[in-house]
Amino acid sequence: MQENIDAFTRVLNELQILTFSSSFRSFSDVFAYLNTLPRSFVVVIDEYPYLSSLSDAEAVDSVFQTVIDQKLGNIHLVLSGSQVSVMKDLLKKGNALYGRFQLILHLRELDYRDASLFYPSKSPYEKIAFYSVFGGSPFILQELREEESLEQNIIRTVLDESSPVSLYASNILLTDYTNAVNAERILAVLGNGKKKYTELERALNANSTGSLAKQLKSLQAAELISQLFPINRPDDSKKKFYEINDNLLRFWFTYIYRSRSALQMIGPKAFFEQQVAPTLLTEYVPHRFEELCRSFFSRLAKSGQLPGISNIGTYYYDDPVHHRNGEFDVALEFGRQYQIYEAKYYKKPMSASEIHKEAQQIRDIESLNIVRLGFIAVNGFEKQEDGYSYYSGEDLYQK
């Protein structure tokens, strides 16, 4: 802690804010001095959770409680951090800093549309693949080269263990959680899919002590995973699933986590050709495309283009006649009625025959409360017949 106070003091000296040699004993003393000066300051304590980890977290919070309560006067104090769960703790009623923030800002990663501004010349088909792999972190996106293909970018960044992107995926996202939560094993089981609690319990050989539930809650609080459920079955615990939020982390645990030794032995290029390429555009990206489509409708809803909409998600169905059940990719709820969309990540336009087939399968399911059927195909449609809604990849990226 004292090293951080001394480092802060050196910065003040370098900026000639502190014009004499001094050694402060606490952050309270530093801020008390700044309050005596006839100037205004913005002081940012970045990665506050790391500061908390250097000492007793409650004691550190109490120090900054004192700083704030002593009246900052001419100082705007900003506490920021990437460890979401710790930053959320600052807002809890029992915390020393509770009720002392004038502004609380939760910066989330860019969505698929804003992320595409880092590679604007790519086609919608390519943009979707880029976002599915690299996600929406500006730190990651700035490492991409627009003139390179998806394969070239993956090989140069994620598969190169010395690159900032690889280090981010393998270390930074996990460092804060692995000691307290069995994060790596849980994320490895989730991979590119989604799992029920009982499926995770079996895969991890977890006993029924409730420890897995606590670990999942910790990962949810850290926003590494989400709990999902069909919007037409919100209270059905058997239909709840867990999945990884971050696309890059999902890619890393899908392809690299269990095969790091192979990556080291055969190198990034051969690894991509053997381990990644066979399923990247046929399994991995199509699964992420479904979530991207839900984000598309979310954007429309927020801009007021879907009046009356009450929820967006997936739709669960039972078909006892044909002895099957499942989920529709994208569902929009309007009151108690639903619009259903099938999302297709195809290199070519979706054919009329496939549209007819999909529509007939849905008609065969009894008791569906569906008022509209639509299709989202990245490269458009061979033919658009009346009675359905259609969106192409171009529509997803329209301004």
Protein backbone atom coordinates (compact mmCIF):
# COMPACT_ATOMS: atom_id res chain seq x y z
CA MET A 1 0.00 0.00 0.00
CA GLN A 2 2.80 2.40 0.92
CA GLU A 3 4.44 1.76 -2.45
CA ASN A 4 1.25 2.91 -4.17
CA ILE A 5 1.11 6.04 -2.01
CA ASP A 6 4.77 6.76 -2.83
CA ALA A 7 4.13 6.20 -6.55
CA PHE A 8 1.19 8.60 -6.41
CA THR A 9 3.44 11.14 -4.71
CA ARG A 10 6.07 10.77 -7.46
CA VAL A 11 3.40 11.49 -10.08
CA LEU A 12 2.43 14.66 -8.21
CA ASN A 13 6.09 15.68 -8.18
CA GLU A 14 6.52 14.98 -11.89
CA LEU A 15 3.47 17.11 -12.68
CA GLN A 16 4.80 19.81 -10.32
CA ILE A 17 1.61 19.63 -8.30
CA LEU A 18 3.76 18.76 -5.32
CA THR A 19 6.67 21.18 -5.29
CA PHE A 20 8.55 19.93 -2.25
CA SER A 21 9.88 16.59 -1.06
CA SER A 22 7.35 14.82 1.10
CA SER A 23 6.41 11.32 2.17
CA PHE A 24 2.71 10.83 2.81
CA ARG A 25 1.65 8.05 5.16
CA SER A 26 -1.85 7.51 3.77
CA PHE A 27 -4.09 8.32 0.84
CA SER A 28 -6.09 10.51 3.20
CA ASP A 29 -3.01 12.70 3.67
CA VAL A 30 -2.47 12.95 -0.10
CA PHE A 31 -6.03 14.06 -0.75
CA ALA A 32 -5.98 16.43 2.22
CA TYR A 33 -2.95 18.12 0.64
CA LEU A 34 -4.61 18.34 -2.80
CA ASN A 35 -7.60 19.97 -1.14
CA THR A 36 -5.41 22.86 0.01
CA LEU A 37 -4.43 23.80 -3.56
CA PRO A 38 -6.25 26.48 -5.62
CA ARG A 39 -6.74 24.12 -8.57
CA SER A 40 -9.23 21.46 -9.63
CA PHE A 41 -8.17 17.87 -10.13
CA VAL A 42 -9.57 14.66 -11.59
CA VAL A 43 -7.93 11.75 -9.75
CA VAL A 44 -8.48 8.28 -11.22
CA ILE A 45 -7.64 5.19 -9.17
CA ASP A 46 -7.62 2.59 -11.92
CA GLU A 47 -7.95 -1.13 -11.19
CA TYR A 48 -9.16 -0.38 -7.68
CA PRO A 49 -9.65 -4.14 -6.97
CA TYR A 50 -5.88 -4.65 -7.20
CA LEU A 51 -5.37 -1.91 -4.63
CA SER A 52 -7.90 -3.66 -2.39
CA SER A 53 -6.04 -6.95 -2.77
CA LEU A 54 -2.82 -5.44 -1.38
CA SER A 55 -4.37 -5.09 2.05
CA ASP A 56 -7.60 -5.89 3.84
CA ALA A 57 -10.27 -4.88 1.32
CA GLU A 58 -12.55 -3.44 4.00
CA ALA A 59 -9.69 -1.33 5.33
CA VAL A 60 -8.95 0.08 1.88
CA ASP A 61 -12.63 0.90 1.34
CA SER A 62 -12.64 2.65 4.74
CA VAL A 63 -9.64 4.75 3.71
CA PHE A 64 -11.49 6.05 0.67
CA GLN A 65 -14.63 6.52 2.74
CA THR A 66 -12.57 8.89 4.89
CA VAL A 67 -11.20 10.62 1.79
CA ILE A 68 -14.71 11.26 0.48
CA ASP A 69 -16.24 12.18 3.83
CA GLN A 70 -13.51 14.77 4.46
CA LYS A 71 -15.05 16.65 1.51
CA LEU A 72 -13.17 16.36 -1.74
CA GLY A 73 -13.82 20.01 -2.56
CA ASN A 74 -11.82 20.67 -5.71
CA ILE A 75 -11.31 16.97 -6.54
CA HIS A 76 -13.30 14.65 -8.78
CA LEU A 77 -12.43 11.13 -7.64
CA VAL A 78 -12.96 8.19 -10.02
CA LEU A 79 -12.62 4.58 -8.89
CA SER A 80 -12.52 2.12 -11.79
CA GLY A 81 -11.83 -1.58 -12.16
CA SER A 82 -12.26 -4.53 -14.49
CA GLN A 83 -13.07 -7.07 -11.78
CA VAL A 84 -16.80 -6.56 -11.92
CA SER A 85 -17.73 -8.52 -8.80
CA VAL A 86 -15.44 -6.41 -6.58
CA MET A 87 -16.70 -3.14 -8.05
CA LYS A 88 -20.29 -4.27 -7.46
CA ASP A 89 -19.41 -4.96 -3.82
CA LEU A 90 -18.67 -1.26 -3.37
CA LEU A 91 -22.35 -0.57 -4.02
CA LYS A 92 -23.68 -2.93 -1.34
CA LYS A 93 -25.30 -1.50 1.76
CA GLY A 94 -22.75 -2.92 4.18
CA ASN A 95 -19.75 -1.50 2.32
CA ALA A 96 -17.93 1.54 3.68
CA LEU A 97 -18.39 3.32 0.32
CA TYR A 98 -22.11 2.63 0.07
CA GLY A 99 -24.10 5.70 -1.01
CA ARG A 100 -21.01 7.80 -1.70
CA PHE A 101 -20.98 7.75 -5.50
CA GLN A 102 -22.55 10.52 -7.57
CA LEU A 103 -22.28 8.51 -10.79
CA ILE A 104 -22.15 4.74 -11.33
CA LEU A 105 -21.20 3.71 -14.87
CA HIS A 106 -21.05 0.10 -16.01
CA LEU A 107 -19.01 0.01 -19.21
CA ARG A 108 -19.88 -3.09 -21.20
CA GLU A 109 -18.12 -4.39 -24.29
CA LEU A 110 -19.18 -3.18 -27.74
CA ASP A 111 -22.04 -5.03 -29.40
CA TYR A 112 -21.67 -6.72 -32.78
CA ARG A 113 -22.54 -3.57 -34.76
CA ASP A 114 -20.11 -1.23 -32.99
CA ALA A 115 -17.38 -3.89 -32.97
CA SER A 116 -17.65 -4.12 -36.76
CA LEU A 117 -16.35 -0.55 -37.04
CA PHE A 118 -12.90 -2.06 -36.43
CA TYR A 119 -13.22 -4.03 -39.70
CA PRO A 120 -15.71 -2.01 -41.81
CA SER A 121 -14.64 -3.35 -45.22
CA LYS A 122 -15.53 -6.95 -44.35
CA SER A 123 -18.75 -8.53 -45.64
CA PRO A 124 -21.57 -9.27 -43.17
CA TYR A 125 -20.61 -12.96 -43.35
CA GLU A 126 -17.06 -12.07 -42.29
CA LYS A 127 -18.12 -9.48 -39.71
CA ILE A 128 -20.28 -12.04 -37.92
CA ALA A 129 -17.38 -14.51 -37.82
CA PHE A 130 -14.97 -11.85 -36.52
CA TYR A 131 -17.35 -10.84 -33.75
CA SER A 132 -18.07 -14.47 -32.86
CA VAL A 133 -14.37 -15.09 -32.27
CA PHE A 134 -13.03 -11.77 -30.95
CA GLY A 135 -16.08 -10.26 -29.25
CA GLY A 136 -16.43 -6.58 -28.43
CA SER A 137 -13.49 -5.59 -26.23
CA PRO A 138 -11.71 -2.57 -27.79
CA PHE A 139 -8.45 -3.84 -26.27
CA ILE A 140 -8.78 -7.00 -28.39
CA LEU A 141 -10.25 -5.35 -31.47
CA GLN A 142 -7.35 -2.92 -31.80
CA GLU A 143 -5.03 -5.90 -32.27
CA LEU A 144 -6.88 -7.03 -35.42
CA ARG A 145 -5.72 -6.24 -38.95
CA GLU A 146 -8.56 -5.51 -41.31
CA GLU A 147 -6.56 -6.48 -44.40
CA GLU A 148 -6.05 -9.99 -43.01
CA SER A 149 -8.51 -12.88 -43.17
CA LEU A 150 -10.21 -14.36 -40.12
CA GLU A 151 -7.76 -17.28 -40.23
CA GLN A 152 -4.74 -14.98 -40.36
CA ASN A 153 -6.00 -12.88 -37.45
CA ILE A 154 -6.73 -15.94 -35.31
CA ILE A 155 -3.30 -17.45 -36.00
CA ARG A 156 -1.48 -14.18 -35.31
CA THR A 157 -3.38 -13.30 -32.13
CA VAL A 158 -5.28 -16.02 -30.25
CA LEU A 159 -3.02 -18.91 -31.29
CA ASP A 160 0.23 -17.03 -30.71
CA GLU A 161 0.77 -17.56 -27.00
CA SER A 162 2.97 -14.46 -26.74
CA SER A 163 0.36 -12.10 -28.20
CA PRO A 164 -1.65 -9.69 -25.99
CA VAL A 165 -4.86 -11.36 -27.16
CA SER A 166 -3.76 -14.83 -26.11
CA LEU A 167 -2.50 -13.59 -22.76
CA TYR A 168 -5.79 -11.77 -22.20
CA ALA A 169 -7.78 -14.92 -22.87
CA SER A 170 -5.63 -17.35 -20.94
CA ASN A 171 -4.65 -15.24 -17.96
CA ILE A 172 -6.21 -11.84 -17.37
CA LEU A 173 -9.85 -12.90 -17.51
CA LEU A 174 -9.26 -15.76 -15.10
CA THR A 175 -6.61 -14.56 -12.69
CA ASP A 176 -9.04 -12.88 -10.31
CA TYR A 177 -11.36 -15.86 -10.00
CA THR A 178 -9.43 -19.12 -10.12
CA ASN A 179 -8.42 -19.07 -6.47
CA ALA A 180 -11.96 -18.67 -5.16
CA VAL A 181 -13.93 -20.33 -7.96
CA ASN A 182 -13.28 -23.47 -9.97
CA ALA A 183 -13.56 -21.26 -13.05
CA GLU A 184 -11.41 -23.09 -15.59
CA ARG A 185 -13.14 -26.46 -15.24
CA ILE A 186 -16.61 -24.91 -15.40
CA LEU A 187 -15.79 -22.79 -18.45
CA ALA A 188 -14.16 -25.76 -20.17
CA VAL A 189 -17.36 -27.80 -19.78
CA LEU A 190 -19.49 -24.94 -21.10
CA GLY A 191 -17.29 -24.26 -24.16
CA ASN A 192 -19.40 -23.15 -27.12
CA GLY A 193 -22.60 -24.64 -25.77
CA LYS A 194 -24.94 -24.20 -22.88
CA LYS A 195 -25.50 -26.59 -20.01
CA LYS A 196 -28.13 -27.22 -17.36
CA TYR A 197 -27.06 -27.27 -13.73
CA THR A 198 -27.44 -31.06 -13.56
CA GLU A 199 -25.31 -31.47 -16.70
CA LEU A 200 -22.55 -29.36 -15.16
CA GLU A 201 -22.82 -31.32 -11.93
CA ARG A 202 -22.33 -34.63 -13.76
CA ALA A 203 -19.53 -33.37 -16.00
CA LEU A 204 -17.61 -31.94 -13.05
CA ASN A 205 -18.33 -34.86 -10.74
CA ALA A 206 -19.61 -32.29 -8.29
CA ASN A 207 -21.35 -33.50 -5.17
CA SER A 208 -24.62 -32.01 -3.95
CA THR A 209 -23.11 -29.78 -1.25
CA GLY A 210 -24.14 -26.60 -3.02
CA SER A 211 -20.54 -25.57 -3.78
CA LEU A 212 -21.18 -25.63 -7.54
CA ALA A 213 -24.15 -23.31 -7.13
CA LYS A 214 -21.95 -20.86 -5.21
CA GLN A 215 -19.25 -21.06 -7.87
CA LEU A 216 -21.77 -20.39 -10.63
CA LYS A 217 -23.13 -17.40 -8.72
CA SER A 218 -19.60 -16.02 -8.40
CA LEU A 219 -19.01 -16.41 -12.15
CA GLN A 220 -22.35 -14.74 -12.84
CA ALA A 221 -21.47 -11.86 -10.52
CA ALA A 222 -18.19 -11.50 -12.43
CA GLU A 223 -20.25 -11.55 -15.67
CA LEU A 224 -18.19 -14.38 -17.11
CA ILE A 225 -21.30 -16.54 -17.53
CA SER A 226 -25.05 -16.00 -17.79
CA GLN A 227 -28.06 -18.03 -16.77
CA LEU A 228 -30.52 -18.30 -19.65
CA PHE A 229 -34.07 -19.59 -19.97
CA PRO A 230 -36.72 -19.60 -22.71
CA ILE A 231 -38.88 -16.48 -22.51
CA ASN A 232 -42.03 -18.62 -22.58
CA ARG A 233 -40.80 -20.76 -19.63
CA PRO A 234 -39.24 -18.22 -17.23
CA ASP A 235 -40.22 -20.13 -14.09
CA ASP A 236 -39.24 -23.62 -15.26
CA SER A 237 -35.99 -24.46 -13.45
CA LYS A 238 -35.48 -27.49 -15.70
CA LYS A 239 -35.18 -25.22 -18.74
CA LYS A 240 -32.45 -22.95 -17.31
CA PHE A 241 -29.00 -23.06 -18.87
CA TYR A 242 -25.57 -21.54 -18.29
CA GLU A 243 -23.25 -20.25 -21.01
CA ILE A 244 -20.08 -18.18 -21.40
CA ASN A 245 -20.61 -14.48 -22.13
CA ASP A 246 -17.31 -13.37 -23.63
CA ASN A 247 -16.83 -14.57 -27.22
CA LEU A 248 -13.03 -14.67 -27.09
CA LEU A 249 -13.10 -16.61 -23.84
CA ARG A 250 -15.68 -18.97 -25.36
CA PHE A 251 -13.41 -19.51 -28.39
CA TRP A 252 -10.41 -20.14 -26.15
CA PHE A 253 -12.23 -22.76 -24.04
CA THR A 254 -13.79 -24.38 -27.11
CA TYR A 255 -10.61 -24.89 -29.08
CA ILE A 256 -7.48 -24.19 -27.04
CA TYR A 257 -7.91 -24.96 -23.34
CA ARG A 258 -7.69 -28.76 -23.61
CA SER A 259 -5.26 -28.71 -26.56
CA ARG A 260 -2.57 -26.28 -25.46
CA SER A 261 0.12 -28.95 -25.62
CA ALA A 262 -0.82 -29.73 -29.23
CA LEU A 263 -0.69 -26.01 -30.07
CA GLN A 264 2.82 -25.79 -28.62
CA MET A 265 3.97 -28.91 -30.47
CA ILE A 266 2.60 -28.31 -33.99
CA GLY A 267 2.37 -24.50 -34.07
CA PRO A 268 -0.48 -22.04 -34.72
CA LYS A 269 -1.00 -22.64 -38.46
CA ALA A 270 -1.21 -26.43 -38.31
CA PHE A 271 -3.31 -26.18 -35.13
CA PHE A 272 -5.80 -23.91 -36.86
CA GLU A 273 -6.08 -26.22 -39.87
CA GLN A 274 -6.56 -29.35 -37.77
CA GLN A 275 -8.37 -28.21 -34.63
CA VAL A 276 -10.24 -25.02 -35.54
CA ALA A 277 -11.05 -24.86 -39.25
CA PRO A 278 -13.21 -28.05 -39.46
CA THR A 279 -15.93 -26.64 -37.15
CA LEU A 280 -15.33 -22.89 -36.94
CA LEU A 281 -17.81 -21.78 -39.62
CA THR A 282 -20.15 -24.76 -39.40
CA GLU A 283 -20.64 -25.07 -35.63
CA TYR A 284 -18.92 -22.35 -33.61
CA VAL A 285 -19.96 -19.20 -35.52
CA PRO A 286 -23.54 -20.37 -36.26
CA HIS A 287 -24.14 -20.81 -32.54
CA ARG A 288 -22.91 -17.28 -31.80
CA PHE A 289 -24.95 -15.97 -34.74
CA GLU A 290 -28.15 -16.80 -32.86
CA GLU A 291 -27.15 -14.49 -30.00
CA LEU A 292 -26.09 -11.81 -32.48
CA CYS A 293 -29.58 -11.93 -34.02
CA ARG A 294 -31.13 -11.41 -30.61
CA SER A 295 -28.84 -8.39 -30.17
CA PHE A 296 -30.08 -7.09 -33.53
CA PHE A 297 -33.68 -7.14 -32.35
CA SER A 298 -32.60 -5.58 -29.05
CA ARG A 299 -31.17 -2.64 -30.98
CA LEU A 300 -34.43 -2.29 -32.90
CA ALA A 301 -36.43 -2.39 -29.67
CA LYS A 302 -34.26 0.25 -27.98
CA SER A 303 -34.63 2.54 -30.99
CA GLY A 304 -38.42 2.25 -30.84
CA GLN A 305 -38.80 0.18 -34.01
CA LEU A 306 -40.56 -2.73 -32.28
CA PRO A 307 -43.49 -1.11 -30.45
CA GLY A 308 -45.21 -3.36 -27.96
CA ILE A 309 -42.32 -5.79 -27.54
CA SER A 310 -41.91 -7.12 -23.99
CA ASN A 311 -39.00 -9.58 -24.24
CA ILE A 312 -36.41 -11.18 -26.55
CA GLY A 313 -34.89 -14.64 -26.18
CA THR A 314 -35.45 -18.25 -27.18
CA TYR A 315 -38.74 -20.19 -27.25
CA TYR A 316 -39.10 -23.72 -25.88
CA TYR A 317 -41.57 -26.15 -27.44
CA ASP A 318 -42.89 -29.65 -26.78
CA ASP A 319 -44.12 -31.72 -29.69
CA PRO A 320 -45.69 -34.88 -28.20
CA VAL A 321 -47.15 -35.94 -31.56
CA HIS A 322 -43.69 -36.32 -33.12
CA HIS A 323 -41.98 -37.13 -29.78
CA ARG A 324 -39.59 -34.20 -29.83
CA ASN A 325 -38.86 -30.93 -28.09
CA GLY A 326 -36.42 -28.11 -28.55
CA GLU A 327 -35.88 -24.36 -28.79
CA PHE A 328 -36.35 -21.81 -31.52
CA ASP A 329 -33.28 -19.63 -32.02
CA VAL A 330 -34.85 -16.21 -31.71
CA ALA A 331 -38.19 -15.26 -30.19
CA LEU A 332 -39.86 -11.87 -29.74
CA GLU A 333 -42.64 -11.60 -27.16
CA PHE A 334 -45.51 -9.18 -27.64
CA GLY A 335 -47.74 -9.56 -24.62
CA ARG A 336 -48.44 -13.30 -24.57
CA GLN A 337 -47.86 -13.81 -28.28
CA TYR A 338 -44.60 -14.61 -30.01
CA GLN A 339 -42.77 -14.02 -33.27
CA ILE A 340 -40.26 -16.75 -34.11
CA TYR A 341 -37.14 -16.37 -36.27
CA GLU A 342 -34.81 -19.06 -37.57
CA ALA A 343 -31.19 -17.86 -37.86
CA LYS A 344 -29.07 -19.34 -40.66
CA TYR A 345 -25.36 -18.66 -41.05
CA TYR A 346 -24.95 -19.81 -44.67
CA LYS A 347 -22.37 -18.95 -47.29
CA LYS A 348 -25.12 -18.95 -49.93
CA PRO A 349 -28.69 -17.62 -49.98
CA MET A 350 -31.32 -19.63 -48.13
CA SER A 351 -33.41 -21.66 -50.56
CA ALA A 352 -37.19 -21.49 -50.88
CA SER A 353 -37.43 -25.24 -50.31
CA GLU A 354 -35.68 -24.96 -46.95
CA ILE A 355 -37.99 -22.13 -45.94
CA HIS A 356 -40.98 -24.32 -46.80
CA LYS A 357 -39.51 -27.22 -44.85
CA GLU A 358 -38.83 -25.12 -41.75
CA ALA A 359 -42.30 -23.57 -41.91
CA GLN A 360 -43.99 -26.94 -42.24
CA GLN A 361 -42.13 -28.38 -39.27
CA ILE A 362 -43.35 -25.47 -37.18
CA ARG A 363 -46.93 -25.86 -38.41
CA ASP A 364 -46.82 -29.51 -37.38
CA ILE A 365 -46.26 -28.55 -33.75
CA GLU A 366 -49.54 -28.14 -31.94
CA SER A 367 -50.36 -25.47 -29.34
CA LEU A 368 -47.72 -22.97 -30.42
CA ASN A 369 -48.65 -19.41 -29.56
CA ILE A 370 -46.84 -17.99 -32.60
CA VAL A 371 -48.25 -15.13 -34.65
CA ARG A 372 -45.35 -14.59 -37.03
CA LEU A 373 -42.55 -16.68 -38.53
CA GLY A 374 -39.39 -15.13 -39.93
CA PHE A 375 -35.92 -16.01 -41.19
CA ILE A 376 -32.52 -14.37 -40.79
CA ALA A 377 -30.04 -15.55 -43.41
CA VAL A 378 -26.62 -13.92 -43.67
CA ASN A 379 -26.44 -14.06 -47.44
CA GLY A 380 -30.09 -13.46 -48.15
CA PHE A 381 -32.70 -15.62 -49.84
CA GLU A 382 -33.27 -17.18 -53.23
CA LYS A 383 -36.88 -16.02 -53.07
CA GLN A 384 -39.01 -14.10 -50.61
CA GLU A 385 -42.61 -15.26 -50.51
CA ASP A 386 -45.47 -13.51 -48.74
CA GLY A 387 -46.37 -14.56 -45.22
CA TYR A 388 -42.92 -14.47 -43.63
CA SER A 389 -40.47 -11.86 -42.34
CA TYR A 390 -36.98 -11.77 -43.85
CA TYR A 391 -33.68 -10.25 -42.72
CA SER A 392 -30.30 -10.59 -44.40
CA GLY A 393 -26.79 -9.91 -43.14
CA GLU A 394 -26.97 -6.48 -44.78
CA ASP A 395 -30.05 -5.66 -42.68
CA LEU A 396 -28.16 -6.53 -39.50
CA TYR A 397 -25.50 -3.94 -40.26
CA GLN A 398 -27.65 -1.14 -41.66
CA LYS A 399 -27.13 2.23 -39.97
